[in-house]
Amino acid sequence: MRIVLYILLSLLLGMLRTHSQESETTTTEEKTNSISSISVNGEVSSVSKNERSYFSTSDSENTYKVRAKYNDNKTAKVRIYLLEELGQNNMTTSGSKVIWKVDYNGDTGYEVKLDDGSLRIFVNKELTSQALFNKFKTITQNIKSYTSGKSDAQRDQEALQRDQEQLKREAEQKIQEAERLQREAERLKREAERLEREAKRKTGDSLEE
């Protein structure tokens, strides 16, 4: 049985080579040490080493949310990029804060809040079109590339590695569960054999009487 379990593990681990799936929720905190990939007016900005950025993305059935923190000196470039993508029609400013917000019959369709070193994005997927939602996903990806300093290929590779590690953990858990079930089955078998012997013994005692 243990051989079968290890065969199962080998099959599951083999799936890792082709597994590539977006997580519903990904949160990364990473040191940046490479060239960024966001381009504004054809200009590609570089990122200095040993900076820290935080990017959290939540993509549920009804909403899409982004929370990001990064070095303050990137805010100006992010603001220019968002202005190019979202325009000024639905934009308001208050000090260093810039907000883009669109309501549909009193309900928020989307809201983008930008401040020094931070970004918040909220999209109501039930109210916005698929095209607009896809646009926000692209915006998020580009800003993440810029603030983290990592290319799409690097992030995809890291995401794939995380998925592989998750699959490996799940495979190990399944093997442990299978071994537990095997032990339970053996225990039940022994119990059934004991009850059978006891029943035979009682039957023999009855015949002797």
N, C-alpha and C. Protein backbone atom coordinates (compact mmCIF):
# COMPACT_ATOMS: atom_id res chain seq x y z
N MET A 1 0.83 -1.21 0.00
CA MET A 1 0.00 0.00 0.00
C MET A 1 0.86 1.25 0.00
N ARG A 2 1.98 1.21 0.73
CA ARG A 2 2.86 2.37 0.79
C ARG A 2 3.47 2.65 -0.57
N ILE A 3 3.75 1.56 -1.34
CA ILE A 3 4.27 1.76 -2.70
C ILE A 3 3.26 2.49 -3.55
N VAL A 4 2.00 2.10 -3.41
CA VAL A 4 0.92 2.77 -4.16
C VAL A 4 0.85 4.24 -3.79
N LEU A 5 1.02 4.51 -2.50
CA LEU A 5 0.96 5.91 -2.05
C LEU A 5 2.08 6.72 -2.65
N TYR A 6 3.29 6.15 -2.73
CA TYR A 6 4.40 6.90 -3.30
C TYR A 6 4.23 7.07 -4.81
N ILE A 7 3.59 6.10 -5.46
CA ILE A 7 3.27 6.26 -6.88
C ILE A 7 2.32 7.43 -7.06
N LEU A 8 1.32 7.50 -6.16
CA LEU A 8 0.37 8.61 -6.20
C LEU A 8 1.09 9.94 -6.04
N LEU A 9 2.04 9.99 -5.10
CA LEU A 9 2.81 11.22 -4.89
C LEU A 9 3.58 11.59 -6.14
N SER A 10 4.19 10.59 -6.81
CA SER A 10 4.94 10.86 -8.03
C SER A 10 4.06 11.44 -9.11
N LEU A 11 2.83 10.89 -9.23
CA LEU A 11 1.90 11.41 -10.23
C LEU A 11 1.51 12.84 -9.92
N LEU A 12 1.23 13.09 -8.64
CA LEU A 12 0.83 14.46 -8.26
C LEU A 12 1.96 15.45 -8.48
N LEU A 13 3.17 15.04 -8.15
CA LEU A 13 4.31 15.93 -8.36
C LEU A 13 4.57 16.15 -9.84
N GLY A 14 4.23 15.15 -10.66
CA GLY A 14 4.39 15.31 -12.10
C GLY A 14 3.50 16.39 -12.66
N MET A 15 2.37 16.60 -11.99
CA MET A 15 1.45 17.65 -12.43
C MET A 15 2.04 19.03 -12.22
N LEU A 16 3.04 19.14 -11.36
CA LEU A 16 3.61 20.45 -11.06
C LEU A 16 4.23 21.10 -12.28
N ARG A 17 4.70 20.28 -13.21
CA ARG A 17 5.40 20.84 -14.36
C ARG A 17 4.46 21.63 -15.26
N THR A 18 3.18 21.27 -15.24
CA THR A 18 2.24 21.94 -16.13
C THR A 18 1.25 22.82 -15.40
N HIS A 19 1.36 22.82 -14.08
CA HIS A 19 0.38 23.60 -13.30
C HIS A 19 0.71 25.07 -13.33
N SER A 20 -0.22 25.88 -13.80
CA SER A 20 -0.05 27.34 -13.77
C SER A 20 -1.42 27.95 -13.61
N GLN A 21 -1.76 28.40 -12.43
CA GLN A 21 -3.10 28.92 -12.15
C GLN A 21 -3.01 30.11 -11.23
N GLU A 22 -3.82 31.14 -11.49
CA GLU A 22 -3.82 32.32 -10.65
C GLU A 22 -4.49 31.99 -9.33
N SER A 23 -3.94 32.42 -8.29
CA SER A 23 -4.58 32.32 -7.01
C SER A 23 -5.66 33.35 -6.92
N GLU A 24 -6.74 33.05 -6.10
CA GLU A 24 -7.77 34.05 -5.91
C GLU A 24 -7.22 35.24 -5.14
N THR A 25 -6.34 34.96 -4.20
CA THR A 25 -5.76 36.04 -3.43
C THR A 25 -4.28 35.82 -3.33
N THR A 26 -3.43 36.84 -3.73
CA THR A 26 -2.00 36.75 -3.60
C THR A 26 -1.50 37.97 -2.86
N THR A 27 -0.61 37.72 -1.91
CA THR A 27 -0.01 38.81 -1.17
C THR A 27 1.49 38.62 -1.19
N THR A 28 2.24 39.64 -1.61
CA THR A 28 3.68 39.53 -1.69
C THR A 28 4.32 40.70 -0.99
N GLU A 29 5.42 40.40 -0.30
CA GLU A 29 6.26 41.44 0.26
C GLU A 29 7.66 41.11 -0.17
N GLU A 30 8.29 41.96 -0.97
CA GLU A 30 9.49 41.56 -1.64
C GLU A 30 10.51 42.68 -1.70
N LYS A 31 11.81 42.29 -1.73
CA LYS A 31 12.87 43.25 -1.97
C LYS A 31 13.07 43.38 -3.47
N THR A 32 13.22 44.60 -3.95
CA THR A 32 13.37 44.83 -5.37
C THR A 32 14.82 45.11 -5.68
N ASN A 33 15.28 44.54 -6.82
CA ASN A 33 16.68 44.75 -7.18
C ASN A 33 16.88 44.68 -8.68
N SER A 34 15.87 45.03 -9.48
CA SER A 34 16.02 44.95 -10.92
C SER A 34 15.32 46.13 -11.57
N ILE A 35 15.25 46.15 -12.89
CA ILE A 35 14.65 47.26 -13.63
C ILE A 35 13.14 47.06 -13.71
N SER A 36 12.40 48.15 -13.54
CA SER A 36 10.95 48.07 -13.58
C SER A 36 10.45 47.92 -15.00
N SER A 37 9.15 47.54 -15.15
CA SER A 37 8.61 47.30 -16.48
C SER A 37 7.47 48.23 -16.86
N ILE A 38 7.09 49.19 -15.99
CA ILE A 38 6.05 50.13 -16.36
C ILE A 38 6.66 51.23 -17.20
N SER A 39 5.97 51.62 -18.25
CA SER A 39 6.49 52.64 -19.15
C SER A 39 5.48 53.76 -19.28
N VAL A 40 5.90 54.98 -19.08
CA VAL A 40 5.05 56.15 -19.25
C VAL A 40 5.67 57.04 -20.30
N ASN A 41 4.93 57.29 -21.37
CA ASN A 41 5.45 58.09 -22.48
C ASN A 41 6.77 57.54 -23.01
N GLY A 42 6.83 56.21 -23.03
CA GLY A 42 8.01 55.56 -23.57
C GLY A 42 9.19 55.50 -22.63
N GLU A 43 9.09 56.09 -21.47
CA GLU A 43 10.20 56.11 -20.51
C GLU A 43 10.07 54.94 -19.54
N VAL A 44 11.13 54.19 -19.38
CA VAL A 44 11.15 53.08 -18.42
C VAL A 44 11.96 53.50 -17.21
N SER A 45 11.35 53.43 -16.04
CA SER A 45 12.02 53.87 -14.83
C SER A 45 12.77 52.71 -14.19
N SER A 46 13.85 53.01 -13.53
CA SER A 46 14.61 51.99 -12.81
C SER A 46 14.28 52.06 -11.33
N VAL A 47 14.57 50.98 -10.65
CA VAL A 47 14.30 50.88 -9.22
C VAL A 47 15.60 50.61 -8.50
N SER A 48 15.89 51.35 -7.44
CA SER A 48 17.12 51.13 -6.70
C SER A 48 17.02 49.86 -5.87
N LYS A 49 18.15 49.34 -5.44
CA LYS A 49 18.19 48.06 -4.72
C LYS A 49 17.69 48.20 -3.29
N ASN A 50 17.31 47.03 -2.75
CA ASN A 50 16.96 46.90 -1.33
C ASN A 50 15.76 47.74 -0.91
N GLU A 51 14.89 48.12 -1.85
CA GLU A 51 13.64 48.76 -1.48
C GLU A 51 12.62 47.68 -1.14
N ARG A 52 11.60 48.07 -0.41
CA ARG A 52 10.57 47.09 -0.05
C ARG A 52 9.23 47.57 -0.56
N SER A 53 8.46 46.65 -1.10
CA SER A 53 7.12 46.98 -1.58
C SER A 53 6.14 45.92 -1.11
N TYR A 54 4.92 46.32 -0.98
CA TYR A 54 3.86 45.41 -0.55
C TYR A 54 2.72 45.51 -1.54
N PHE A 55 2.25 44.37 -2.03
CA PHE A 55 1.17 44.34 -3.00
C PHE A 55 0.21 43.21 -2.65
N SER A 56 -1.04 43.56 -2.42
CA SER A 56 -2.05 42.57 -2.08
C SER A 56 -3.20 42.69 -3.06
N THR A 57 -3.55 41.58 -3.70
CA THR A 57 -4.63 41.56 -4.69
C THR A 57 -5.67 40.52 -4.29
N SER A 58 -6.93 40.93 -4.25
CA SER A 58 -8.03 40.03 -3.93
C SER A 58 -9.03 40.04 -5.08
N ASP A 59 -9.20 38.88 -5.71
CA ASP A 59 -10.11 38.77 -6.86
C ASP A 59 -11.18 37.74 -6.52
N SER A 60 -12.32 38.21 -6.00
CA SER A 60 -13.41 37.31 -5.63
C SER A 60 -14.47 37.30 -6.72
N GLU A 61 -15.57 36.65 -6.45
CA GLU A 61 -16.62 36.53 -7.45
C GLU A 61 -17.24 37.88 -7.80
N ASN A 62 -17.38 38.75 -6.81
CA ASN A 62 -18.09 40.01 -7.02
C ASN A 62 -17.21 41.25 -6.99
N THR A 63 -16.04 41.16 -6.38
CA THR A 63 -15.20 42.34 -6.24
C THR A 63 -13.75 42.05 -6.58
N TYR A 64 -13.05 43.12 -6.89
CA TYR A 64 -11.62 43.07 -7.15
C TYR A 64 -10.98 44.18 -6.33
N LYS A 65 -10.01 43.81 -5.46
CA LYS A 65 -9.42 44.79 -4.56
C LYS A 65 -7.90 44.71 -4.63
N VAL A 66 -7.29 45.87 -4.55
CA VAL A 66 -5.83 45.96 -4.56
C VAL A 66 -5.39 46.89 -3.45
N ARG A 67 -4.38 46.47 -2.71
CA ARG A 67 -3.73 47.32 -1.71
C ARG A 67 -2.23 47.26 -1.95
N ALA A 68 -1.62 48.42 -2.07
CA ALA A 68 -0.19 48.45 -2.36
C ALA A 68 0.50 49.55 -1.56
N LYS A 69 1.72 49.25 -1.13
CA LYS A 69 2.59 50.24 -0.51
C LYS A 69 3.95 50.13 -1.17
N TYR A 70 4.57 51.26 -1.41
CA TYR A 70 5.85 51.27 -2.12
C TYR A 70 6.57 52.56 -1.76
N ASN A 71 7.76 52.73 -2.31
CA ASN A 71 8.55 53.92 -2.04
C ASN A 71 7.83 55.17 -2.54
N ASP A 72 7.84 56.22 -1.71
CA ASP A 72 7.14 57.45 -2.07
C ASP A 72 7.59 58.05 -3.39
N ASN A 73 8.85 57.85 -3.74
CA ASN A 73 9.35 58.49 -4.95
C ASN A 73 8.77 57.89 -6.23
N LYS A 74 8.01 56.81 -6.10
CA LYS A 74 7.36 56.23 -7.28
C LYS A 74 5.95 56.78 -7.50
N THR A 75 5.43 57.53 -6.53
CA THR A 75 4.04 57.99 -6.60
C THR A 75 3.78 58.86 -7.81
N ALA A 76 4.70 59.77 -8.11
CA ALA A 76 4.50 60.68 -9.25
C ALA A 76 4.34 59.91 -10.55
N LYS A 77 5.17 58.91 -10.75
CA LYS A 77 5.09 58.12 -11.98
C LYS A 77 3.79 57.31 -12.02
N VAL A 78 3.38 56.77 -10.88
CA VAL A 78 2.11 56.03 -10.82
C VAL A 78 0.94 56.96 -11.11
N ARG A 79 1.00 58.19 -10.59
CA ARG A 79 -0.07 59.16 -10.82
C ARG A 79 -0.20 59.49 -12.31
N ILE A 80 0.93 59.71 -12.96
CA ILE A 80 0.91 60.01 -14.40
C ILE A 80 0.30 58.85 -15.18
N TYR A 81 0.69 57.65 -14.80
CA TYR A 81 0.17 56.46 -15.49
C TYR A 81 -1.34 56.33 -15.31
N LEU A 82 -1.82 56.54 -14.09
CA LEU A 82 -3.26 56.44 -13.83
C LEU A 82 -4.03 57.53 -14.56
N LEU A 83 -3.45 58.72 -14.65
CA LEU A 83 -4.10 59.80 -15.40
C LEU A 83 -4.25 59.42 -16.86
N GLU A 84 -3.24 58.80 -17.42
CA GLU A 84 -3.32 58.37 -18.82
C GLU A 84 -4.38 57.30 -19.01
N GLU A 85 -4.52 56.41 -18.04
CA GLU A 85 -5.45 55.29 -18.17
C GLU A 85 -6.88 55.66 -17.79
N LEU A 86 -7.06 56.49 -16.76
CA LEU A 86 -8.39 56.78 -16.22
C LEU A 86 -8.90 58.18 -16.54
N GLY A 87 -8.01 59.06 -16.96
CA GLY A 87 -8.43 60.42 -17.29
C GLY A 87 -8.72 61.26 -16.05
N GLN A 88 -9.35 62.42 -16.29
CA GLN A 88 -9.63 63.35 -15.21
C GLN A 88 -11.12 63.54 -14.93
N ASN A 89 -11.98 62.95 -15.75
CA ASN A 89 -13.42 63.20 -15.61
C ASN A 89 -13.97 62.79 -14.25
N ASN A 90 -13.48 61.69 -13.72
CA ASN A 90 -14.01 61.17 -12.44
C ASN A 90 -12.99 61.30 -11.33
N MET A 91 -12.10 62.29 -11.45
CA MET A 91 -11.00 62.43 -10.52
C MET A 91 -11.22 63.61 -9.57
N THR A 92 -10.88 63.40 -8.31
CA THR A 92 -10.87 64.49 -7.32
C THR A 92 -9.54 64.44 -6.58
N THR A 93 -9.11 65.59 -6.07
CA THR A 93 -7.85 65.66 -5.34
C THR A 93 -8.06 66.33 -4.00
N SER A 94 -7.26 65.93 -3.03
CA SER A 94 -7.28 66.54 -1.70
C SER A 94 -5.89 66.42 -1.12
N GLY A 95 -5.12 67.51 -1.19
CA GLY A 95 -3.74 67.44 -0.75
C GLY A 95 -2.95 66.51 -1.65
N SER A 96 -2.30 65.53 -1.05
CA SER A 96 -1.52 64.56 -1.84
C SER A 96 -2.37 63.42 -2.37
N LYS A 97 -3.62 63.36 -1.94
CA LYS A 97 -4.49 62.26 -2.34
C LYS A 97 -5.18 62.55 -3.67
N VAL A 98 -5.27 61.51 -4.50
CA VAL A 98 -6.00 61.58 -5.76
C VAL A 98 -6.97 60.41 -5.78
N ILE A 99 -8.23 60.69 -6.11
CA ILE A 99 -9.26 59.65 -6.10
C ILE A 99 -9.99 59.65 -7.44
N TRP A 100 -10.12 58.46 -8.02
CA TRP A 100 -10.98 58.25 -9.19
C TRP A 100 -12.16 57.40 -8.72
N LYS A 101 -13.35 57.87 -8.94
CA LYS A 101 -14.52 57.13 -8.46
C LYS A 101 -15.68 57.27 -9.44
N VAL A 102 -16.34 56.14 -9.71
CA VAL A 102 -17.52 56.11 -10.57
C VAL A 102 -18.63 55.36 -9.85
N ASP A 103 -19.79 55.98 -9.75
CA ASP A 103 -20.96 55.37 -9.12
C ASP A 103 -22.01 55.01 -10.17
N TYR A 104 -22.75 53.95 -9.89
CA TYR A 104 -23.87 53.53 -10.72
C TYR A 104 -25.11 53.47 -9.83
N ASN A 105 -26.01 54.42 -10.03
CA ASN A 105 -27.25 54.48 -9.23
C ASN A 105 -26.95 54.47 -7.73
N GLY A 106 -25.93 55.21 -7.34
CA GLY A 106 -25.60 55.31 -5.93
C GLY A 106 -24.65 54.26 -5.41
N ASP A 107 -24.37 53.23 -6.21
CA ASP A 107 -23.44 52.18 -5.79
C ASP A 107 -22.09 52.39 -6.48
N THR A 108 -21.02 52.14 -5.75
CA THR A 108 -19.68 52.35 -6.29
C THR A 108 -19.35 51.30 -7.33
N GLY A 109 -19.06 51.75 -8.54
CA GLY A 109 -18.61 50.84 -9.59
C GLY A 109 -17.13 50.54 -9.45
N TYR A 110 -16.34 51.61 -9.31
CA TYR A 110 -14.93 51.43 -9.00
C TYR A 110 -14.42 52.67 -8.29
N GLU A 111 -13.36 52.48 -7.53
CA GLU A 111 -12.72 53.58 -6.81
C GLU A 111 -11.23 53.31 -6.72
N VAL A 112 -10.47 54.32 -7.08
CA VAL A 112 -9.01 54.23 -7.02
C VAL A 112 -8.51 55.36 -6.13
N LYS A 113 -7.77 55.01 -5.08
CA LYS A 113 -7.23 56.01 -4.15
C LYS A 113 -5.71 55.95 -4.20
N LEU A 114 -5.12 57.07 -4.57
CA LEU A 114 -3.66 57.16 -4.66
C LEU A 114 -3.15 58.20 -3.68
N ASP A 115 -2.16 57.83 -2.90
CA ASP A 115 -1.50 58.76 -1.99
C ASP A 115 -0.01 58.49 -2.05
N ASP A 116 0.77 59.29 -1.35
CA ASP A 116 2.21 59.09 -1.38
C ASP A 116 2.56 57.70 -0.87
N GLY A 117 3.10 56.88 -1.75
CA GLY A 117 3.56 55.55 -1.37
C GLY A 117 2.47 54.52 -1.16
N SER A 118 1.23 54.81 -1.54
CA SER A 118 0.16 53.83 -1.34
C SER A 118 -0.88 53.92 -2.44
N LEU A 119 -1.54 52.80 -2.68
CA LEU A 119 -2.58 52.72 -3.71
C LEU A 119 -3.66 51.76 -3.24
N ARG A 120 -4.92 52.14 -3.47
CA ARG A 120 -6.06 51.28 -3.19
C ARG A 120 -6.95 51.25 -4.43
N ILE A 121 -7.36 50.07 -4.83
CA ILE A 121 -8.27 49.91 -5.97
C ILE A 121 -9.42 49.02 -5.54
N PHE A 122 -10.64 49.46 -5.85
CA PHE A 122 -11.83 48.65 -5.60
C PHE A 122 -12.66 48.63 -6.88
N VAL A 123 -13.05 47.45 -7.32
CA VAL A 123 -13.90 47.29 -8.50
C VAL A 123 -15.07 46.39 -8.16
N ASN A 124 -16.28 46.87 -8.40
CA ASN A 124 -17.48 46.05 -8.23
C ASN A 124 -17.74 45.34 -9.56
N LYS A 125 -17.44 44.06 -9.61
CA LYS A 125 -17.52 43.31 -10.86
C LYS A 125 -18.96 43.12 -11.33
N GLU A 126 -19.91 43.28 -10.42
CA GLU A 126 -21.31 43.15 -10.80
C GLU A 126 -21.82 44.39 -11.54
N LEU A 127 -21.13 45.53 -11.34
CA LEU A 127 -21.59 46.77 -11.95
C LEU A 127 -20.74 47.19 -13.15
N THR A 128 -19.51 46.78 -13.19
CA THR A 128 -18.63 47.18 -14.28
C THR A 128 -18.59 46.11 -15.37
N SER A 129 -18.18 46.53 -16.55
CA SER A 129 -18.09 45.59 -17.68
C SER A 129 -16.85 44.73 -17.55
N GLN A 130 -16.85 43.63 -18.30
CA GLN A 130 -15.68 42.75 -18.30
C GLN A 130 -14.47 43.48 -18.86
N ALA A 131 -14.70 44.31 -19.87
CA ALA A 131 -13.60 45.05 -20.48
C ALA A 131 -12.96 46.00 -19.47
N LEU A 132 -13.79 46.68 -18.67
CA LEU A 132 -13.25 47.60 -17.67
C LEU A 132 -12.51 46.84 -16.57
N PHE A 133 -13.07 45.71 -16.17
CA PHE A 133 -12.40 44.89 -15.16
C PHE A 133 -11.03 44.42 -15.67
N ASN A 134 -10.98 43.97 -16.92
CA ASN A 134 -9.71 43.54 -17.50
C ASN A 134 -8.71 44.70 -17.56
N LYS A 135 -9.23 45.90 -17.82
CA LYS A 135 -8.36 47.07 -17.85
C LYS A 135 -7.73 47.31 -16.48
N PHE A 136 -8.52 47.17 -15.43
CA PHE A 136 -7.98 47.36 -14.08
C PHE A 136 -6.96 46.27 -13.73
N LYS A 137 -7.16 45.07 -14.21
CA LYS A 137 -6.18 44.02 -13.97
C LYS A 137 -4.86 44.35 -14.65
N THR A 138 -4.94 44.91 -15.86
CA THR A 138 -3.73 45.31 -16.56
C THR A 138 -3.04 46.47 -15.84
N ILE A 139 -3.85 47.44 -15.40
CA ILE A 139 -3.30 48.56 -14.63
C ILE A 139 -2.57 48.05 -13.39
N THR A 140 -3.22 47.14 -12.68
CA THR A 140 -2.61 46.58 -11.47
C THR A 140 -1.29 45.89 -11.77
N GLN A 141 -1.30 45.10 -12.84
CA GLN A 141 -0.09 44.36 -13.20
C GLN A 141 1.06 45.31 -13.54
N ASN A 142 0.75 46.36 -14.29
CA ASN A 142 1.80 47.30 -14.68
C ASN A 142 2.35 48.07 -13.48
N ILE A 143 1.45 48.50 -12.60
CA ILE A 143 1.92 49.22 -11.41
C ILE A 143 2.72 48.30 -10.50
N LYS A 144 2.30 47.06 -10.40
CA LYS A 144 3.06 46.11 -9.58
C LYS A 144 4.45 45.90 -10.17
N SER A 145 4.53 45.81 -11.49
CA SER A 145 5.83 45.66 -12.14
C SER A 145 6.73 46.84 -11.82
N TYR A 146 6.15 48.03 -11.86
CA TYR A 146 6.95 49.23 -11.60
C TYR A 146 7.39 49.32 -10.14
N THR A 147 6.46 49.12 -9.23
CA THR A 147 6.78 49.31 -7.81
C THR A 147 7.63 48.18 -7.25
N SER A 148 7.51 46.99 -7.81
CA SER A 148 8.30 45.86 -7.31
C SER A 148 9.62 45.72 -8.05
N GLY A 149 9.67 46.29 -9.25
CA GLY A 149 10.90 46.20 -10.04
C GLY A 149 11.12 44.86 -10.67
N LYS A 150 10.06 44.04 -10.75
CA LYS A 150 10.21 42.71 -11.33
C LYS A 150 9.43 42.62 -12.63
N SER A 151 9.97 41.87 -13.57
CA SER A 151 9.32 41.69 -14.86
C SER A 151 8.18 40.69 -14.74
N ASP A 152 7.32 40.66 -15.76
CA ASP A 152 6.22 39.69 -15.78
C ASP A 152 6.76 38.27 -15.70
N ALA A 153 7.86 38.01 -16.42
CA ALA A 153 8.41 36.65 -16.44
C ALA A 153 8.89 36.23 -15.06
N GLN A 154 9.51 37.16 -14.34
CA GLN A 154 9.98 36.85 -12.99
C GLN A 154 8.82 36.56 -12.05
N ARG A 155 7.79 37.39 -12.13
CA ARG A 155 6.63 37.18 -11.25
C ARG A 155 5.90 35.90 -11.60
N ASP A 156 5.78 35.62 -12.90
CA ASP A 156 5.12 34.38 -13.31
C ASP A 156 5.89 33.17 -12.79
N GLN A 157 7.23 33.25 -12.85
CA GLN A 157 8.05 32.14 -12.37
C GLN A 157 7.87 31.95 -10.87
N GLU A 158 7.82 33.06 -10.13
CA GLU A 158 7.63 32.97 -8.68
C GLU A 158 6.25 32.43 -8.34
N ALA A 159 5.23 32.87 -9.11
CA ALA A 159 3.87 32.37 -8.88
C ALA A 159 3.80 30.87 -9.15
N LEU A 160 4.48 30.43 -10.23
CA LEU A 160 4.50 29.01 -10.56
C LEU A 160 5.19 28.21 -9.47
N GLN A 161 6.27 28.76 -8.94
CA GLN A 161 6.98 28.08 -7.86
C GLN A 161 6.11 27.96 -6.61
N ARG A 162 5.37 29.03 -6.30
CA ARG A 162 4.46 28.96 -5.15
C ARG A 162 3.39 27.91 -5.37
N ASP A 163 2.86 27.84 -6.60
CA ASP A 163 1.84 26.83 -6.90
C ASP A 163 2.40 25.42 -6.77
N GLN A 164 3.65 25.25 -7.22
CA GLN A 164 4.28 23.94 -7.11
C GLN A 164 4.46 23.52 -5.65
N GLU A 165 4.89 24.47 -4.84
CA GLU A 165 5.06 24.17 -3.42
C GLU A 165 3.73 23.85 -2.76
N GLN A 166 2.68 24.58 -3.16
CA GLN A 166 1.36 24.31 -2.61
C GLN A 166 0.88 22.92 -3.00
N LEU A 167 1.08 22.54 -4.27
CA LEU A 167 0.68 21.21 -4.73
C LEU A 167 1.46 20.12 -3.98
N LYS A 168 2.74 20.39 -3.75
CA LYS A 168 3.55 19.41 -3.03
C LYS A 168 3.02 19.22 -1.62
N ARG A 169 2.69 20.34 -0.96
CA ARG A 169 2.14 20.23 0.40
C ARG A 169 0.81 19.47 0.38
N GLU A 170 -0.04 19.77 -0.61
CA GLU A 170 -1.32 19.07 -0.70
C GLU A 170 -1.12 17.58 -0.94
N ALA A 171 -0.13 17.24 -1.79
CA ALA A 171 0.14 15.83 -2.06
C ALA A 171 0.60 15.12 -0.79
N GLU A 172 1.48 15.78 -0.03
CA GLU A 172 1.94 15.18 1.22
C GLU A 172 0.80 15.00 2.21
N GLN A 173 -0.11 15.97 2.24
CA GLN A 173 -1.26 15.86 3.13
C GLN A 173 -2.16 14.70 2.73
N LYS A 174 -2.33 14.52 1.41
CA LYS A 174 -3.17 13.42 0.93
C LYS A 174 -2.55 12.07 1.26
N ILE A 175 -1.23 11.99 1.15
CA ILE A 175 -0.55 10.74 1.50
C ILE A 175 -0.71 10.44 2.98
N GLN A 176 -0.54 11.47 3.80
CA GLN A 176 -0.73 11.28 5.24
C GLN A 176 -2.15 10.85 5.55
N GLU A 177 -3.11 11.44 4.86
CA GLU A 177 -4.51 11.07 5.08
C GLU A 177 -4.76 9.63 4.62
N ALA A 178 -4.16 9.26 3.47
CA ALA A 178 -4.32 7.89 2.98
C ALA A 178 -3.72 6.89 3.96
N GLU A 179 -2.56 7.23 4.52
CA GLU A 179 -1.94 6.34 5.51
C GLU A 179 -2.81 6.23 6.76
N ARG A 180 -3.40 7.35 7.15
CA ARG A 180 -4.29 7.32 8.32
C ARG A 180 -5.49 6.44 8.04
N LEU A 181 -6.06 6.56 6.84
CA LEU A 181 -7.22 5.74 6.49
C LEU A 181 -6.84 4.26 6.42
N GLN A 182 -5.61 4.00 5.94
CA GLN A 182 -5.16 2.61 5.90
C GLN A 182 -5.06 2.03 7.30
N ARG A 183 -4.49 2.82 8.22
CA ARG A 183 -4.39 2.35 9.61
C ARG A 183 -5.78 2.13 10.21
N GLU A 184 -6.70 3.03 9.89
CA GLU A 184 -8.06 2.88 10.40
C GLU A 184 -8.72 1.64 9.82
N ALA A 185 -8.48 1.38 8.52
CA ALA A 185 -9.05 0.19 7.89
C ALA A 185 -8.50 -1.08 8.53
N GLU A 186 -7.20 -1.08 8.81
CA GLU A 186 -6.60 -2.25 9.46
C GLU A 186 -7.15 -2.44 10.86
N ARG A 187 -7.38 -1.34 11.55
CA ARG A 187 -7.95 -1.44 12.90
C ARG A 187 -9.36 -2.01 12.84
N LEU A 188 -10.16 -1.54 11.88
CA LEU A 188 -11.52 -2.05 11.73
C LEU A 188 -11.52 -3.52 11.34
N LYS A 189 -10.53 -3.89 10.51
CA LYS A 189 -10.43 -5.30 10.11
C LYS A 189 -10.14 -6.17 11.33
N ARG A 190 -9.19 -5.71 12.15
CA ARG A 190 -8.86 -6.47 13.36
C ARG A 190 -10.07 -6.55 14.29
N GLU A 191 -10.80 -5.46 14.39
CA GLU A 191 -11.99 -5.45 15.24
C GLU A 191 -13.05 -6.41 14.71
N ALA A 192 -13.21 -6.44 13.36
CA ALA A 192 -14.18 -7.36 12.77
C ALA A 192 -13.78 -8.81 13.01
N GLU A 193 -12.48 -9.09 12.89
CA GLU A 193 -12.00 -10.45 13.14
C GLU A 193 -12.20 -10.84 14.60
N ARG A 194 -11.98 -9.88 15.49
CA ARG A 194 -12.19 -10.17 16.91
C ARG A 194 -13.66 -10.48 17.19
N LEU A 195 -14.55 -9.68 16.59
CA LEU A 195 -15.98 -9.91 16.79
C LEU A 195 -16.41 -11.25 16.19
N GLU A 196 -15.78 -11.60 15.05
CA GLU A 196 -16.11 -12.88 14.42
C GLU A 196 -15.68 -14.04 15.32
N ARG A 197 -14.47 -13.93 15.88
CA ARG A 197 -13.99 -14.99 16.78
C ARG A 197 -14.89 -15.08 18.01
N GLU A 198 -15.28 -13.93 18.52
CA GLU A 198 -16.14 -13.93 19.70
C GLU A 198 -17.50 -14.55 19.38
N ALA A 199 -18.02 -14.25 18.18
CA ALA A 199 -19.31 -14.82 17.79
C ALA A 199 -19.20 -16.34 17.65
N LYS A 200 -18.09 -16.81 17.07
CA LYS A 200 -17.90 -18.25 16.92
C LYS A 200 -17.78 -18.92 18.28
N ARG A 201 -17.06 -18.24 19.17
CA ARG A 201 -16.90 -18.81 20.50
C ARG A 201 -18.24 -18.93 21.21
N LYS A 202 -19.06 -17.88 21.09
CA LYS A 202 -20.37 -17.92 21.73
C LYS A 202 -21.25 -18.98 21.09
N THR A 203 -21.13 -19.14 19.77
CA THR A 203 -21.91 -20.19 19.08
C THR A 203 -21.48 -21.56 19.57
N GLY A 204 -20.17 -21.76 19.72
CA GLY A 204 -19.67 -23.04 20.22
C GLY A 204 -20.14 -23.32 21.63
N ASP A 205 -20.15 -22.30 22.48
CA ASP A 205 -20.62 -22.48 23.85
C ASP A 205 -22.09 -22.86 23.86
N SER A 206 -22.87 -22.26 22.97
CA SER A 206 -24.30 -22.56 22.92
C SER A 206 -24.54 -24.00 22.49
N LEU A 207 -23.74 -24.49 21.53
CA LEU A 207 -23.91 -25.86 21.07
C LEU A 207 -23.54 -26.86 22.16
N GLU A 208 -22.51 -26.52 22.94
CA GLU A 208 -22.11 -27.42 24.01
C GLU A 208 -23.18 -27.52 25.08
N GLU A 209 -23.91 -26.43 25.30
CA GLU A 209 -24.98 -26.46 26.29
C GLU A 209 -26.15 -27.30 25.78
